[in-house]
Amino acid sequence: MPTSSNLSPATDGQPPVPPPGAVSAGVTSAETLRRVKDSSGLLAAAAMRRLDEALDWYRALPADDRSWVGLVAQAGITAFVTWYTDPSKPPHGVGEIFAGAPPELTRSISLQHTLQLVRVVVDVVESHSDRIAAPGGERDLLEAVLRYSREVAFSAAEVYARAAEVRGAWDARLEALVVDALLRDDVDDSLRSRVAALGWSGRGATLVIVGTTTSALDDVHTADLRRATRRTADDALVGIQGDRLVVFLGGEGDLRASAASLLPRFGDGPVVIGPLAHDLDGAARSARAALAGLVAVKGWAQAPRPVQADELLPERVLIGDADARRTLVAQAYVPLLASTGSLLETLTAYLGAGRSLEAAARTLYVHPNTVRYRLRRVADVTGWDPLDPREAHVLHTAVVVGRLDAAT
């Protein structure tokens, strides 16, 4: 028990002054607190120097982002000093520390970078603790710093998870708007900007796939579907419109193989693939063809799965698809009309005779081998073989449509 000889006598009514080495915990804490407050500027300057020395990613940032990171680091030190004043209150989280910075900063700085930033601040305070803390208070200051850094690290993970969730929801809404605009053929500069914001590089070709969804897609299954599409091609966009699923694939690889790998992601029923396109305008036309094909495919009971939209030209013509009508006339009727060797006449006779070589030969007063030779020429000119039943149907539709258009 202390005696009067252990304490200096009181003077002028003031409490006794403890001798060196006998500073109480309360006095140490108050003195350390004063020193921490006085050293906030020193710590901020030291933290900025350490950031520049230790972090390559910080030096590589644009000047504006470096400035924001510096303000965040200073805010972290200020927040620590504020919390150290009253440790009974919860520490400021990363959300409050980042409050003065633009939200886009979380795109430039990853969670790993944020944790490195926290470690740098902790190291700076720790390296200066012997100069800042009052004698005997170094350990308390270090424990406070470690506790504060742990809380900040946990809140950093929460902030980045929340930012990722918000960004994911925004990207999904933007993606839905982009897909809808492409399906409406509403392609302008603003759409190109939005597609670029979604990470669409625009390199290579573009392919559109349409079909039905599987069962009702919740958020988890929708996210899984989007991840699957992005693994199959360089670029991908997904649109879910009720029970209809629309996928845009882009890149320099084999997009048809990529489309085939996504078939299990579609529901039962037909899947239609639009023609290859090489820009956004072409992608919109490809999507329009694929959607028309999805309606028209019901008219072809033997249609494969998936089926190309251009394999459904006759059915698309029947549902009033003007693009299909123009394509048939341009690719079949016009070349035949411009060809020599009576190809159009021979094809007409062959189709009118029930696709019989002998009957067509009698109508034309030629040998059946001549009819067969001319029909091979028809296949060379148009790309459709009249000796194949399905392709003969395509050519028949092309001839009918071409003659109707010529008559108007």
Protein backbone atom coordinates (compact mmCIF):
# COMPACT_ATOMS: atom_id res chain seq x y z
CA MET A 1 0.00 0.00 0.00
CA PRO A 2 1.53 3.36 -0.98
CA THR A 3 2.67 5.70 1.73
CA SER A 4 3.26 9.40 1.69
CA SER A 5 6.91 8.78 0.84
CA ASN A 6 5.88 7.23 -2.48
CA LEU A 7 4.07 10.38 -3.72
CA SER A 8 5.17 13.93 -4.17
CA PRO A 9 3.43 16.29 -1.78
CA ALA A 10 0.49 18.27 -3.10
CA THR A 11 1.05 21.93 -3.71
CA ASP A 12 -1.41 24.80 -4.02
CA GLY A 13 -4.35 22.44 -3.56
CA GLN A 14 -3.47 20.43 -6.69
CA PRO A 15 -3.57 16.59 -6.66
CA PRO A 16 -0.27 14.86 -6.18
CA VAL A 17 1.80 14.30 -9.33
CA PRO A 18 2.73 10.65 -9.94
CA PRO A 19 6.46 10.09 -10.25
CA PRO A 20 7.94 8.69 -13.53
CA GLY A 21 7.14 5.00 -14.03
CA ALA A 22 3.95 5.18 -11.99
CA VAL A 23 1.65 6.69 -14.63
CA SER A 24 -1.86 5.33 -14.24
CA ALA A 25 -3.74 3.63 -17.09
CA GLY A 26 -6.19 6.53 -17.35
CA VAL A 27 -3.39 9.09 -17.64
CA THR A 28 -1.58 6.92 -20.22
CA SER A 29 -4.71 6.57 -22.35
CA ALA A 30 -5.42 10.30 -22.25
CA GLU A 31 -1.84 11.14 -23.14
CA THR A 32 -1.78 8.58 -25.96
CA LEU A 33 -5.05 9.92 -27.27
CA ARG A 34 -3.67 13.46 -27.34
CA ARG A 35 -0.58 12.27 -29.15
CA VAL A 36 -2.62 10.26 -31.68
CA LYS A 37 -4.75 13.32 -32.44
CA ASP A 38 -1.67 15.51 -32.84
CA SER A 39 -0.04 12.92 -35.12
CA SER A 40 -2.91 12.42 -37.58
CA GLY A 41 -1.25 14.64 -40.17
CA LEU A 42 2.08 12.85 -39.72
CA LEU A 43 0.40 9.46 -40.13
CA ALA A 44 -1.48 10.56 -43.26
CA ALA A 45 1.71 11.83 -44.89
CA ALA A 46 3.57 8.65 -43.96
CA ALA A 47 0.71 6.53 -45.33
CA MET A 48 0.82 8.36 -48.67
CA ARG A 49 4.58 7.80 -48.94
CA ARG A 50 4.16 4.12 -48.10
CA LEU A 51 1.40 3.70 -50.69
CA ASP A 52 3.67 5.07 -53.40
CA GLU A 53 6.59 2.93 -52.28
CA ALA A 54 4.87 -0.38 -51.64
CA LEU A 55 1.91 -0.72 -54.03
CA ASP A 56 2.55 -1.08 -57.77
CA TRP A 57 -1.16 -0.91 -58.59
CA TYR A 58 -1.43 2.44 -56.82
CA ARG A 59 1.37 3.95 -58.92
CA ALA A 60 -0.31 2.63 -62.08
CA LEU A 61 -3.64 4.33 -61.35
CA PRO A 62 -4.67 7.49 -63.20
CA ALA A 63 -3.97 10.72 -61.33
CA ASP A 64 -7.64 11.22 -60.38
CA ASP A 65 -7.93 7.73 -58.90
CA ARG A 66 -4.63 8.13 -57.01
CA SER A 67 -5.98 11.33 -55.52
CA TRP A 68 -9.16 9.57 -54.41
CA VAL A 69 -7.19 6.68 -52.92
CA GLY A 70 -5.10 9.17 -50.98
CA LEU A 71 -8.23 10.82 -49.60
CA VAL A 72 -9.58 7.38 -48.66
CA ALA A 73 -6.35 6.56 -46.81
CA GLN A 74 -6.49 9.86 -44.95
CA ALA A 75 -10.16 9.26 -44.16
CA GLY A 76 -9.20 5.88 -42.73
CA ILE A 77 -6.66 7.43 -40.39
CA THR A 78 -9.09 10.17 -39.38
CA ALA A 79 -11.76 7.55 -38.73
CA PHE A 80 -9.32 5.58 -36.56
CA VAL A 81 -8.48 8.67 -34.51
CA THR A 82 -12.20 9.41 -34.08
CA TRP A 83 -12.90 5.86 -32.98
CA TYR A 84 -9.87 5.79 -30.66
CA THR A 85 -11.40 8.77 -28.86
CA ASP A 86 -14.33 6.55 -27.84
CA PRO A 87 -13.61 2.82 -28.39
CA SER A 88 -17.03 1.94 -26.98
CA LYS A 89 -18.58 3.02 -30.28
CA PRO A 90 -18.35 0.68 -33.31
CA PRO A 91 -15.53 1.56 -35.73
CA HIS A 92 -16.34 3.41 -38.93
CA GLY A 93 -16.78 0.92 -41.74
CA VAL A 94 -15.36 1.08 -45.22
CA GLY A 95 -18.66 2.49 -46.44
CA GLU A 96 -18.13 5.64 -44.36
CA ILE A 97 -14.43 5.82 -45.22
CA PHE A 98 -15.26 5.55 -48.96
CA ALA A 99 -18.21 7.96 -48.64
CA GLY A 100 -16.29 10.88 -50.15
CA ALA A 101 -15.02 8.86 -53.11
CA PRO A 102 -17.01 8.25 -56.32
CA PRO A 103 -18.76 4.85 -56.56
CA GLU A 104 -16.74 4.08 -59.71
CA LEU A 105 -13.65 3.78 -57.52
CA THR A 106 -14.71 0.24 -56.55
CA ARG A 107 -14.24 -0.68 -60.23
CA SER A 108 -10.67 0.65 -60.25
CA ILE A 109 -9.73 -0.79 -56.86
CA SER A 110 -10.49 -4.40 -56.06
CA LEU A 111 -11.24 -5.85 -52.66
CA GLN A 112 -7.69 -7.22 -52.54
CA HIS A 113 -6.34 -3.72 -53.19
CA THR A 114 -8.54 -2.30 -50.42
CA LEU A 115 -7.21 -4.85 -47.94
CA GLN A 116 -3.65 -3.96 -48.98
CA LEU A 117 -4.55 -0.33 -48.36
CA VAL A 118 -5.75 -1.24 -44.87
CA ARG A 119 -2.53 -3.15 -44.18
CA VAL A 120 -0.43 -0.18 -45.27
CA VAL A 121 -2.28 2.11 -42.85
CA VAL A 122 -1.87 -0.46 -40.06
CA ASP A 123 1.85 -0.80 -40.79
CA VAL A 124 2.28 2.98 -40.74
CA VAL A 125 0.57 3.36 -37.38
CA GLU A 126 2.46 0.37 -35.99
CA SER A 127 5.83 1.70 -37.16
CA HIS A 128 5.09 5.05 -35.49
CA SER A 129 3.53 3.64 -32.33
CA ASP A 130 6.67 4.03 -30.24
CA ARG A 131 6.76 7.74 -31.12
CA ILE A 132 3.00 8.33 -30.80
CA ALA A 133 1.97 6.33 -27.73
CA ALA A 134 2.71 7.61 -24.25
CA PRO A 135 5.32 5.59 -22.36
CA GLY A 136 3.77 2.24 -21.51
CA GLY A 137 0.84 2.71 -23.90
CA GLU A 138 2.43 1.19 -27.01
CA ARG A 139 0.76 -2.18 -26.57
CA ASP A 140 -2.70 -0.66 -26.04
CA LEU A 141 -2.30 1.43 -29.18
CA LEU A 142 -1.24 -1.58 -31.25
CA GLU A 143 -4.15 -3.64 -30.01
CA ALA A 144 -6.53 -0.81 -30.88
CA VAL A 145 -5.04 -0.55 -34.39
CA LEU A 146 -5.35 -4.29 -34.97
CA ARG A 147 -8.95 -4.36 -33.74
CA TYR A 148 -9.84 -1.41 -35.93
CA SER A 149 -8.15 -2.90 -39.02
CA ARG A 150 -10.01 -6.18 -38.52
CA GLU A 151 -13.36 -4.40 -38.39
CA VAL A 152 -12.50 -2.35 -41.48
CA ALA A 153 -11.44 -5.48 -43.37
CA PHE A 154 -14.75 -7.18 -42.61
CA SER A 155 -16.74 -4.13 -43.66
CA ALA A 156 -14.65 -3.88 -46.86
CA ALA A 157 -15.79 -7.34 -47.88
CA GLU A 158 -19.39 -6.30 -47.21
CA VAL A 159 -19.04 -3.10 -49.25
CA TYR A 160 -17.58 -4.90 -52.25
CA ALA A 161 -20.17 -7.67 -52.06
CA ARG A 162 -22.93 -5.05 -51.99
CA ALA A 163 -21.33 -3.13 -54.87
CA ALA A 164 -21.06 -6.33 -56.90
CA GLU A 165 -24.71 -7.11 -56.24
CA VAL A 166 -25.83 -3.63 -57.27
CA ARG A 167 -23.57 -3.67 -60.32
CA GLY A 168 -24.88 -7.11 -61.29
CA ALA A 169 -28.49 -5.93 -61.02
CA TRP A 170 -27.73 -2.82 -63.05
CA ASP A 171 -25.86 -4.83 -65.70
CA ALA A 172 -28.82 -7.23 -65.95
CA ARG A 173 -31.23 -4.33 -66.51
CA LEU A 174 -28.91 -2.73 -69.06
CA GLU A 175 -28.48 -6.07 -70.82
CA ALA A 176 -32.27 -6.49 -71.03
CA LEU A 177 -32.57 -3.01 -72.59
CA VAL A 178 -29.83 -3.77 -75.12
CA VAL A 179 -31.36 -7.09 -76.16
CA ASP A 180 -34.79 -5.47 -76.49
CA ALA A 181 -33.34 -2.69 -78.67
CA LEU A 182 -31.60 -5.21 -80.91
CA LEU A 183 -34.79 -7.21 -81.32
CA ARG A 184 -36.60 -4.00 -82.32
CA ASP A 185 -33.75 -3.13 -84.72
CA ASP A 186 -33.25 0.13 -82.82
CA VAL A 187 -29.50 0.42 -83.39
CA ASP A 188 -27.94 3.83 -82.79
CA ASP A 189 -24.89 5.35 -81.12
CA SER A 190 -26.41 5.11 -77.65
CA LEU A 191 -26.97 1.38 -78.14
CA ARG A 192 -23.35 0.92 -79.20
CA SER A 193 -22.28 2.73 -76.05
CA ARG A 194 -24.46 0.51 -73.88
CA VAL A 195 -23.16 -2.66 -75.53
CA ALA A 196 -19.60 -1.49 -74.91
CA ALA A 197 -20.47 -0.82 -71.26
CA LEU A 198 -21.49 -4.47 -70.96
CA GLY A 199 -18.06 -5.56 -72.18
CA TRP A 200 -19.04 -6.46 -75.76
CA SER A 201 -15.81 -6.25 -77.78
CA GLY A 202 -17.39 -6.47 -81.23
CA ARG A 203 -14.56 -8.60 -82.64
CA GLY A 204 -15.45 -11.30 -85.14
CA ALA A 205 -18.95 -12.39 -86.07
CA THR A 206 -22.23 -12.46 -84.16
CA LEU A 207 -24.77 -15.26 -83.88
CA VAL A 208 -28.28 -15.13 -82.43
CA ILE A 209 -30.03 -18.12 -80.85
CA VAL A 210 -33.69 -18.10 -79.84
CA GLY A 211 -35.81 -20.70 -78.13
CA THR A 212 -37.81 -21.23 -74.99
CA THR A 213 -36.58 -21.20 -71.42
CA THR A 214 -36.51 -24.26 -69.25
CA SER A 215 -38.75 -24.06 -66.20
CA ALA A 216 -39.29 -20.70 -64.50
CA LEU A 217 -35.86 -19.10 -64.11
CA ASP A 218 -35.12 -17.65 -60.69
CA ASP A 219 -32.18 -15.33 -59.99
CA VAL A 220 -29.78 -18.21 -59.29
CA HIS A 221 -30.60 -20.11 -62.49
CA THR A 222 -30.52 -16.90 -64.51
CA ALA A 223 -27.05 -16.03 -63.19
CA ASP A 224 -25.87 -19.57 -63.95
CA LEU A 225 -27.25 -19.27 -67.50
CA ARG A 226 -25.38 -16.01 -68.05
CA ARG A 227 -22.13 -17.51 -66.78
CA ALA A 228 -22.56 -20.49 -69.11
CA THR A 229 -23.08 -18.27 -72.16
CA ARG A 230 -20.05 -16.14 -71.32
CA ARG A 231 -17.88 -19.24 -71.12
CA THR A 232 -18.81 -20.35 -74.64
CA ALA A 233 -17.84 -17.23 -76.61
CA ASP A 234 -15.80 -14.05 -76.39
CA ASP A 235 -18.96 -11.92 -76.19
CA ALA A 236 -22.42 -12.85 -74.95
CA LEU A 237 -25.74 -11.19 -74.22
CA VAL A 238 -28.75 -12.93 -72.71
CA GLY A 239 -32.36 -11.80 -72.93
CA ILE A 240 -35.20 -13.54 -71.07
CA GLN A 241 -38.61 -12.38 -72.24
CA GLY A 242 -41.27 -14.41 -70.52
CA ASP A 243 -40.76 -17.99 -71.69
CA ARG A 244 -38.57 -16.89 -74.62
CA LEU A 245 -34.79 -17.03 -74.39
CA VAL A 246 -32.60 -14.95 -76.72
CA VAL A 247 -28.81 -15.33 -76.73
CA PHE A 248 -26.33 -13.22 -78.71
CA LEU A 249 -22.88 -14.78 -79.12
CA GLY A 250 -19.92 -12.91 -80.58
CA GLY A 251 -16.24 -13.53 -81.22
CA GLU A 252 -13.72 -15.04 -83.56
CA GLY A 253 -14.23 -18.70 -82.69
CA ASP A 254 -16.68 -21.30 -84.00
CA LEU A 255 -19.94 -19.69 -82.94
CA ARG A 256 -22.07 -22.52 -84.33
CA ALA A 257 -20.26 -24.99 -82.09
CA SER A 258 -20.76 -22.60 -79.18
CA ALA A 259 -24.46 -22.41 -79.98
CA ALA A 260 -24.72 -26.21 -80.06
CA SER A 261 -23.11 -26.44 -76.62
CA LEU A 262 -25.86 -24.21 -75.20
CA LEU A 263 -28.75 -26.39 -76.38
CA PRO A 264 -29.24 -28.04 -72.95
CA ARG A 265 -29.80 -24.54 -71.52
CA PHE A 266 -32.94 -24.13 -73.63
CA GLY A 267 -36.29 -25.63 -72.85
CA ASP A 268 -38.16 -28.22 -74.87
CA GLY A 269 -39.18 -27.24 -78.36
CA PRO A 270 -37.42 -25.73 -81.35
CA VAL A 271 -34.24 -23.67 -81.21
CA VAL A 272 -33.50 -21.36 -84.14
CA ILE A 273 -30.14 -19.88 -85.07
CA GLY A 274 -30.01 -16.67 -87.08
CA PRO A 275 -27.52 -16.03 -89.89
CA LEU A 276 -24.02 -14.84 -89.06
CA ALA A 277 -23.63 -11.08 -88.74
CA HIS A 278 -20.58 -8.83 -88.54
CA ASP A 279 -21.89 -5.71 -86.80
CA LEU A 280 -24.76 -4.61 -84.57
CA ASP A 281 -27.00 -3.78 -87.53
CA GLY A 282 -26.43 -7.29 -88.85
CA ALA A 283 -27.03 -8.74 -85.40
CA ALA A 284 -30.43 -7.03 -85.30
CA ARG A 285 -31.34 -8.51 -88.69
CA SER A 286 -30.11 -11.93 -87.57
CA ALA A 287 -32.26 -11.71 -84.44
CA ARG A 288 -35.29 -10.73 -86.52
CA ALA A 289 -34.74 -13.73 -88.79
CA ALA A 290 -34.33 -16.07 -85.82
CA LEU A 291 -37.52 -14.82 -84.16
CA ALA A 292 -39.47 -15.22 -87.39
CA GLY A 293 -38.04 -18.71 -87.69
CA LEU A 294 -39.19 -19.56 -84.17
CA VAL A 295 -42.76 -18.74 -85.22
CA ALA A 296 -42.50 -20.43 -88.64
CA VAL A 297 -40.72 -23.62 -87.56
CA LYS A 298 -44.03 -25.14 -86.52
CA GLY A 299 -44.80 -25.51 -90.24
CA TRP A 300 -41.89 -27.93 -90.76
CA ALA A 301 -42.49 -31.04 -88.70
CA GLN A 302 -39.09 -32.56 -89.56
CA ALA A 303 -37.06 -29.46 -88.65
CA PRO A 304 -33.81 -30.31 -86.85
CA ARG A 305 -32.88 -28.88 -83.45
CA PRO A 306 -31.28 -26.44 -83.75
CA VAL A 307 -32.41 -25.23 -87.14
CA GLN A 308 -30.95 -22.39 -89.14
CA ALA A 309 -33.31 -19.49 -89.81
CA ASP A 310 -32.36 -19.58 -93.50
CA GLU A 311 -33.52 -23.20 -93.67
CA LEU A 312 -37.02 -21.94 -92.83
CA LEU A 313 -37.36 -19.43 -95.68
CA PRO A 314 -40.53 -21.01 -97.21
CA GLU A 315 -42.29 -21.12 -93.82
CA ARG A 316 -41.18 -17.59 -93.02
CA VAL A 317 -42.58 -16.36 -96.33
CA LEU A 318 -45.92 -17.92 -95.44
CA ILE A 319 -46.10 -15.99 -92.15
CA GLY A 320 -45.38 -12.73 -93.97
CA ASP A 321 -41.66 -12.32 -93.29
CA ALA A 322 -40.56 -9.71 -95.85
CA ASP A 323 -36.86 -10.41 -95.21
CA ALA A 324 -37.32 -14.08 -96.08
CA ARG A 325 -39.23 -13.16 -99.24
CA ARG A 326 -36.44 -10.83 -100.39
CA THR A 327 -33.79 -13.42 -99.56
CA LEU A 328 -35.49 -16.17 -101.56
CA VAL A 329 -35.95 -13.94 -104.60
CA ALA A 330 -32.38 -12.60 -104.43
CA GLN A 331 -30.67 -15.93 -103.86
CA ALA A 332 -32.78 -18.22 -106.06
CA TYR A 333 -35.16 -16.60 -108.51
CA VAL A 334 -32.99 -13.71 -109.73
CA PRO A 335 -29.89 -15.89 -110.41
CA LEU A 336 -32.03 -18.41 -112.29
CA LEU A 337 -33.69 -15.67 -114.28
CA ALA A 338 -30.29 -14.29 -115.27
CA SER A 339 -28.75 -17.65 -116.10
CA THR A 340 -28.39 -19.25 -119.53
CA GLY A 341 -29.25 -22.79 -120.55
CA SER A 342 -32.98 -22.74 -119.77
CA LEU A 343 -32.40 -23.43 -116.09
CA LEU A 344 -35.54 -21.66 -114.87
CA GLU A 345 -37.66 -23.31 -117.55
CA THR A 346 -36.22 -26.74 -116.71
CA LEU A 347 -36.74 -26.29 -112.96
CA THR A 348 -40.32 -25.16 -113.54
CA ALA A 349 -41.03 -28.18 -115.73
CA TYR A 350 -39.42 -30.54 -113.23
CA LEU A 351 -41.41 -29.15 -110.29
CA GLY A 352 -44.62 -29.06 -112.32
CA ALA A 353 -44.18 -32.71 -113.30
CA GLY A 354 -44.07 -33.86 -109.69
CA ARG A 355 -40.25 -33.88 -109.63
CA SER A 356 -40.05 -36.57 -112.32
CA LEU A 357 -37.03 -36.41 -114.63
CA GLU A 358 -38.73 -38.40 -117.38
CA ALA A 359 -41.93 -36.33 -117.30
CA ALA A 360 -39.93 -33.10 -117.36
CA ALA A 361 -37.86 -34.41 -120.27
CA ARG A 362 -41.00 -35.19 -122.28
CA THR A 363 -42.38 -31.71 -121.55
CA LEU A 364 -39.13 -30.08 -122.72
CA TYR A 365 -38.49 -32.53 -125.59
CA VAL A 366 -35.00 -33.34 -124.24
CA HIS A 367 -33.26 -36.40 -122.85
CA PRO A 368 -33.66 -37.09 -119.07
CA ASN A 369 -29.89 -36.78 -118.70
CA THR A 370 -30.17 -33.22 -120.03
CA VAL A 371 -32.75 -32.46 -117.35
CA ARG A 372 -30.48 -34.00 -114.70
CA TYR A 373 -27.51 -31.91 -115.91
CA ARG A 374 -29.54 -28.69 -115.87
CA LEU A 375 -30.82 -29.42 -112.37
CA ARG A 376 -27.24 -29.82 -111.18
CA ARG A 377 -26.58 -26.41 -112.70
CA VAL A 378 -29.55 -25.05 -110.73
CA ALA A 379 -27.91 -26.33 -107.51
CA ASP A 380 -24.62 -24.65 -108.48
CA VAL A 381 -26.33 -21.34 -109.20
CA THR A 382 -28.67 -21.16 -106.20
CA GLY A 383 -27.12 -23.37 -103.54
CA TRP A 384 -30.29 -25.49 -103.27
CA ASP A 385 -30.45 -28.94 -104.88
CA PRO A 386 -33.80 -29.57 -106.64
CA LEU A 387 -33.22 -33.33 -106.39
CA ASP A 388 -33.54 -33.06 -102.59
CA PRO A 389 -37.23 -32.95 -101.54
CA ARG A 390 -36.81 -30.22 -98.91
CA GLU A 391 -34.60 -28.04 -101.10
CA ALA A 392 -36.94 -28.54 -104.04
CA HIS A 393 -39.69 -27.10 -101.82
CA VAL A 394 -37.49 -24.06 -101.12
CA LEU A 395 -36.86 -23.53 -104.83
CA HIS A 396 -40.53 -23.97 -105.66
CA THR A 397 -41.44 -21.26 -103.16
CA ALA A 398 -38.72 -18.99 -104.57
CA VAL A 399 -40.05 -19.37 -108.13
CA VAL A 400 -43.65 -18.68 -107.03
CA VAL A 401 -42.66 -15.61 -105.00
CA GLY A 402 -40.39 -14.31 -107.73
CA ARG A 403 -43.10 -14.55 -110.37
CA LEU A 404 -45.64 -12.88 -108.08
CA ASP A 405 -43.24 -10.01 -107.40
CA ALA A 406 -42.47 -9.66 -111.11
CA ALA A 407 -46.16 -9.49 -111.90
CA THR A 408 -46.80 -6.56 -109.56
